Amino acid sequence: MKKTKFYLNAEEQRYILHSLNALKTKLHSEGQYTDTVDDAMLSVICGKIKRVKIA
């Protein structure tokens, strides 16, 4: 599997985590596995936030 790097600011990270949490809740209520979503959430949480100056 190819790894991809992405850079997020705090606001983008919050939106992604909110969306992943909603997906996890939906899958859990349907009785499906949430392992993949858990791994994605962990990757987003542990990822570095890169600060970039905008001129």
PDB file of N, CA and C in Angstrom:
ATOM      1  N   MET A   1       0.843  -1.182   0.000  1.00  0.00           N
ATOM      2  CA  MET A   1       0.000   0.000   0.000  1.00  0.00           C
ATOM      3  C   MET A   1       0.885   1.241   0.000  1.00  0.00           C
ATOM      4  N   LYS A   2       0.597   2.182  -0.878  1.00  0.00           N
ATOM      5  CA  LYS A   2       1.386   3.391  -0.992  1.00  0.00           C
ATOM      6  C   LYS A   2       1.019   4.365   0.124  1.00  0.00           C
ATOM      7  N   LYS A   3       2.046   4.900   0.784  1.00  0.00           N
ATOM      8  CA  LYS A   3       1.808   5.881   1.840  1.00  0.00           C
ATOM      9  C   LYS A   3       1.823   7.273   1.230  1.00  0.00           C
ATOM     10  N   THR A   4       0.926   8.099   1.694  1.00  0.00           N
ATOM     11  CA  THR A   4       0.826   9.467   1.204  1.00  0.00           C
ATOM     12  C   THR A   4       0.963  10.419   2.375  1.00  0.00           C
ATOM     13  N   LYS A   5       1.758  11.460   2.192  1.00  0.00           N
ATOM     14  CA  LYS A   5       1.897  12.478   3.230  1.00  0.00           C
ATOM     15  C   LYS A   5       0.910  13.606   2.949  1.00  0.00           C
ATOM     16  N   PHE A   6       0.327  14.118   4.005  1.00  0.00           N
ATOM     17  CA  PHE A   6      -0.550  15.260   3.860  1.00  0.00           C
ATOM     18  C   PHE A   6      -0.336  16.171   5.050  1.00  0.00           C
ATOM     19  N   TYR A   7      -0.507  17.450   4.829  1.00  0.00           N
ATOM     20  CA  TYR A   7      -0.290  18.447   5.861  1.00  0.00           C
ATOM     21  C   TYR A   7      -1.612  19.123   6.174  1.00  0.00           C
ATOM     22  N   LEU A   8      -1.955  19.173   7.454  1.00  0.00           N
ATOM     23  CA  LEU A   8      -3.218  19.745   7.884  1.00  0.00           C
ATOM     24  C   LEU A   8      -2.982  20.846   8.904  1.00  0.00           C
ATOM     25  N   ASN A   9      -3.851  21.830   8.903  1.00  0.00           N
ATOM     26  CA  ASN A   9      -3.829  22.772  10.013  1.00  0.00           C
ATOM     27  C   ASN A   9      -4.816  22.265  11.064  1.00  0.00           C
ATOM     28  N   ALA A  10      -4.903  22.937  12.170  1.00  0.00           N
ATOM     29  CA  ALA A  10      -5.728  22.453  13.277  1.00  0.00           C
ATOM     30  C   ALA A  10      -7.208  22.369  12.898  1.00  0.00           C
ATOM     31  N   GLU A  11      -7.683  23.324  12.110  1.00  0.00           N
ATOM     32  CA  GLU A  11      -9.092  23.327  11.722  1.00  0.00           C
ATOM     33  C   GLU A  11      -9.416  22.152  10.801  1.00  0.00           C
ATOM     34  N   GLU A  12      -8.543  21.892   9.834  1.00  0.00           N
ATOM     35  CA  GLU A  12      -8.759  20.766   8.922  1.00  0.00           C
ATOM     36  C   GLU A  12      -8.711  19.438   9.676  1.00  0.00           C
ATOM     37  N   GLN A  13      -7.805  19.342  10.624  1.00  0.00           N
ATOM     38  CA  GLN A  13      -7.694  18.130  11.430  1.00  0.00           C
ATOM     39  C   GLN A  13      -8.976  17.891  12.217  1.00  0.00           C
ATOM     40  N   ARG A  14      -9.533  18.956  12.764  1.00  0.00           N
ATOM     41  CA  ARG A  14     -10.772  18.843  13.539  1.00  0.00           C
ATOM     42  C   ARG A  14     -11.930  18.385  12.652  1.00  0.00           C
ATOM     43  N   TYR A  15     -12.054  18.937  11.424  1.00  0.00           N
ATOM     44  CA  TYR A  15     -13.114  18.532  10.503  1.00  0.00           C
ATOM     45  C   TYR A  15     -12.992  17.062  10.116  1.00  0.00           C
ATOM     46  N   ILE A  16     -11.778  16.630   9.838  1.00  0.00           N
ATOM     47  CA  ILE A  16     -11.567  15.232   9.446  1.00  0.00           C
ATOM     48  C   ILE A  16     -11.907  14.299  10.597  1.00  0.00           C
ATOM     49  N   LEU A  17     -11.469  14.631  11.807  1.00  0.00           N
ATOM     50  CA  LEU A  17     -11.780  13.780  12.963  1.00  0.00           C
ATOM     51  C   LEU A  17     -13.280  13.734  13.227  1.00  0.00           C
ATOM     52  N   HIS A  18     -13.964  14.850  13.053  1.00  0.00           N
ATOM     53  CA  HIS A  18     -15.416  14.869  13.246  1.00  0.00           C
ATOM     54  C   HIS A  18     -16.106  13.957  12.231  1.00  0.00           C
ATOM     55  N   SER A  19     -15.666  14.030  10.980  1.00  0.00           N
ATOM     56  CA  SER A  19     -16.262  13.195   9.929  1.00  0.00           C
ATOM     57  C   SER A  19     -15.981  11.712  10.162  1.00  0.00           C
ATOM     58  N   LEU A  20     -14.744  11.398  10.547  1.00  0.00           N
ATOM     59  CA  LEU A  20     -14.403  10.002  10.813  1.00  0.00           C
ATOM     60  C   LEU A  20     -15.174   9.457  12.004  1.00  0.00           C
ATOM     61  N   ASN A  21     -15.389  10.300  13.008  1.00  0.00           N
ATOM     62  CA  ASN A  21     -16.148   9.864  14.174  1.00  0.00           C
ATOM     63  C   ASN A  21     -17.608   9.593  13.802  1.00  0.00           C
ATOM     64  N   ALA A  22     -18.171  10.429  12.930  1.00  0.00           N
ATOM     65  CA  ALA A  22     -19.542  10.197  12.467  1.00  0.00           C
ATOM     66  C   ALA A  22     -19.633   8.888  11.682  1.00  0.00           C
ATOM     67  N   LEU A  23     -18.628   8.630  10.838  1.00  0.00           N
ATOM     68  CA  LEU A  23     -18.602   7.380  10.079  1.00  0.00           C
ATOM     69  C   LEU A  23     -18.479   6.182  11.014  1.00  0.00           C
ATOM     70  N   LYS A  24     -17.649   6.307  12.034  1.00  0.00           N
ATOM     71  CA  LYS A  24     -17.470   5.215  12.997  1.00  0.00           C
ATOM     72  C   LYS A  24     -18.777   4.934  13.745  1.00  0.00           C
ATOM     73  N   THR A  25     -19.478   5.976  14.131  1.00  0.00           N
ATOM     74  CA  THR A  25     -20.753   5.818  14.819  1.00  0.00           C
ATOM     75  C   THR A  25     -21.770   5.115  13.924  1.00  0.00           C
ATOM     76  N   LYS A  26     -21.818   5.508  12.647  1.00  0.00           N
ATOM     77  CA  LYS A  26     -22.736   4.892  11.687  1.00  0.00           C
ATOM     78  C   LYS A  26     -22.417   3.409  11.511  1.00  0.00           C
ATOM     79  N   LEU A  27     -21.135   3.089  11.319  1.00  0.00           N
ATOM     80  CA  LEU A  27     -20.745   1.692  11.134  1.00  0.00           C
ATOM     81  C   LEU A  27     -21.046   0.863  12.381  1.00  0.00           C
ATOM     82  N   HIS A  28     -20.810   1.441  13.548  1.00  0.00           N
ATOM     83  CA  HIS A  28     -21.058   0.729  14.802  1.00  0.00           C
ATOM     84  C   HIS A  28     -22.537   0.432  14.969  1.00  0.00           C
ATOM     85  N   SER A  29     -23.387   1.404  14.599  1.00  0.00           N
ATOM     86  CA  SER A  29     -24.828   1.186  14.733  1.00  0.00           C
ATOM     87  C   SER A  29     -25.335   0.132  13.741  1.00  0.00           C
ATOM     88  N   GLU A  30     -24.626  -0.033  12.611  1.00  0.00           N
ATOM     89  CA  GLU A  30     -24.998  -1.052  11.628  1.00  0.00           C
ATOM     90  C   GLU A  30     -24.385  -2.410  11.951  1.00  0.00           C
ATOM     91  N   GLY A  31     -23.560  -2.468  12.975  1.00  0.00           N
ATOM     92  CA  GLY A  31     -22.957  -3.728  13.381  1.00  0.00           C
ATOM     93  C   GLY A  31     -21.745  -4.124  12.554  1.00  0.00           C
ATOM     94  N   GLN A  32     -21.132  -3.168  11.857  1.00  0.00           N
ATOM     95  CA  GLN A  32     -19.956  -3.461  11.049  1.00  0.00           C
ATOM     96  C   GLN A  32     -18.686  -3.142  11.824  1.00  0.00           C
ATOM     97  N   TYR A  33     -17.560  -3.639  11.299  1.00  0.00           N
ATOM     98  CA  TYR A  33     -16.275  -3.395  11.943  1.00  0.00           C
ATOM     99  C   TYR A  33     -15.822  -1.958  11.719  1.00  0.00           C
ATOM    100  N   THR A  34     -15.140  -1.399  12.727  1.00  0.00           N
ATOM    101  CA  THR A  34     -14.662  -0.021  12.650  1.00  0.00           C
ATOM    102  C   THR A  34     -13.143   0.057  12.725  1.00  0.00           C
ATOM    103  N   ASP A  35     -12.456  -1.052  12.502  1.00  0.00           N
ATOM    104  CA  ASP A  35     -11.004  -1.076  12.647  1.00  0.00           C
ATOM    105  C   ASP A  35     -10.307  -0.112  11.694  1.00  0.00           C
ATOM    106  N   THR A  36     -10.743  -0.054  10.453  1.00  0.00           N
ATOM    107  CA  THR A  36     -10.107   0.815   9.470  1.00  0.00           C
ATOM    108  C   THR A  36     -10.289   2.281   9.839  1.00  0.00           C
ATOM    109  N   VAL A  37     -11.475   2.620  10.309  1.00  0.00           N
ATOM    110  CA  VAL A  37     -11.740   4.002  10.710  1.00  0.00           C
ATOM    111  C   VAL A  37     -10.900   4.354  11.936  1.00  0.00           C
ATOM    112  N   ASP A  38     -10.752   3.417  12.865  1.00  0.00           N
ATOM    113  CA  ASP A  38      -9.909   3.643  14.037  1.00  0.00           C
ATOM    114  C   ASP A  38      -8.465   3.920  13.627  1.00  0.00           C
ATOM    115  N   ASP A  39      -7.958   3.160  12.673  1.00  0.00           N
ATOM    116  CA  ASP A  39      -6.589   3.364  12.195  1.00  0.00           C
ATOM    117  C   ASP A  39      -6.436   4.729  11.529  1.00  0.00           C
ATOM    118  N   ALA A  40      -7.424   5.124  10.751  1.00  0.00           N
ATOM    119  CA  ALA A  40      -7.373   6.431  10.089  1.00  0.00           C
ATOM    120  C   ALA A  40      -7.415   7.555  11.121  1.00  0.00           C
ATOM    121  N   MET A  41      -8.260   7.408  12.139  1.00  0.00           N
ATOM    122  CA  MET A  41      -8.331   8.427  13.186  1.00  0.00           C
ATOM    123  C   MET A  41      -7.016   8.542  13.931  1.00  0.00           C
ATOM    124  N   LEU A  42      -6.401   7.408  14.217  1.00  0.00           N
ATOM    125  CA  LEU A  42      -5.121   7.419  14.911  1.00  0.00           C
ATOM    126  C   LEU A  42      -4.046   8.113  14.076  1.00  0.00           C
ATOM    127  N   SER A  43      -4.060   7.877  12.775  1.00  0.00           N
ATOM    128  CA  SER A  43      -3.096   8.521  11.884  1.00  0.00           C
ATOM    129  C   SER A  43      -3.276  10.034  11.878  1.00  0.00           C
ATOM    130  N   VAL A  44      -4.523  10.488  11.866  1.00  0.00           N
ATOM    131  CA  VAL A  44      -4.787  11.926  11.860  1.00  0.00           C
ATOM    132  C   VAL A  44      -4.413  12.542  13.199  1.00  0.00           C
ATOM    133  N   ILE A  45      -4.718  11.860  14.292  1.00  0.00           N
ATOM    134  CA  ILE A  45      -4.415  12.383  15.625  1.00  0.00           C
ATOM    135  C   ILE A  45      -2.914  12.483  15.857  1.00  0.00           C
ATOM    136  N   CYS A  46      -2.181  11.468  15.441  1.00  0.00           N
ATOM    137  CA  CYS A  46      -0.736  11.422  15.686  1.00  0.00           C
ATOM    138  C   CYS A  46       0.072  12.191  14.648  1.00  0.00           C
ATOM    139  N   GLY A  47      -0.559  12.643  13.588  1.00  0.00           N
ATOM    140  CA  GLY A  47       0.153  13.358  12.533  1.00  0.00           C
ATOM    141  C   GLY A  47       0.616  14.727  13.000  1.00  0.00           C
ATOM    142  N   LYS A  48       1.694  15.179  12.378  1.00  0.00           N
ATOM    143  CA  LYS A  48       2.240  16.491  12.723  1.00  0.00           C
ATOM    144  C   LYS A  48       1.431  17.582  12.040  1.00  0.00           C
ATOM    145  N   ILE A  49       1.364  18.715  12.703  1.00  0.00           N
ATOM    146  CA  ILE A  49       0.728  19.896  12.116  1.00  0.00           C
ATOM    147  C   ILE A  49       1.847  20.783  11.601  1.00  0.00           C
ATOM    148  N   LYS A  50       1.836  21.051  10.317  1.00  0.00           N
ATOM    149  CA  LYS A  50       2.877  21.870   9.719  1.00  0.00           C
ATOM    150  C   LYS A  50       2.383  23.309   9.640  1.00  0.00           C
ATOM    151  N   ARG A  51       3.165  24.193  10.194  1.00  0.00           N
ATOM    152  CA  ARG A  51       2.813  25.609  10.162  1.00  0.00           C
ATOM    153  C   ARG A  51       3.520  26.268   8.974  1.00  0.00           C
ATOM    154  N   VAL A  52       2.736  26.959   8.173  1.00  0.00           N
ATOM    155  CA  VAL A  52       3.260  27.583   6.963  1.00  0.00           C
ATOM    156  C   VAL A  52       2.931  29.062   7.004  1.00  0.00           C
ATOM    157  N   LYS A  53       3.937  29.878   6.691  1.00  0.00           N
ATOM    158  CA  LYS A  53       3.708  31.321   6.620  1.00  0.00           C
ATOM    159  C   LYS A  53       3.088  31.658   5.286  1.00  0.00           C
ATOM    160  N   ILE A  54       2.068  32.483   5.320  1.00  0.00           N
ATOM    161  CA  ILE A  54       1.414  32.933   4.098  1.00  0.00           C
ATOM    162  C   ILE A  54       1.766  34.402   3.915  1.00  0.00           C
ATOM    163  N   ALA A  55       2.372  34.711   2.799  1.00  0.00           N
ATOM    164  CA  ALA A  55       2.836  36.073   2.545  1.00  0.00           C
ATOM    165  C   ALA A  55       1.713  36.955   2.039  1.00  0.00           C
TER     166      ALA A  55
END
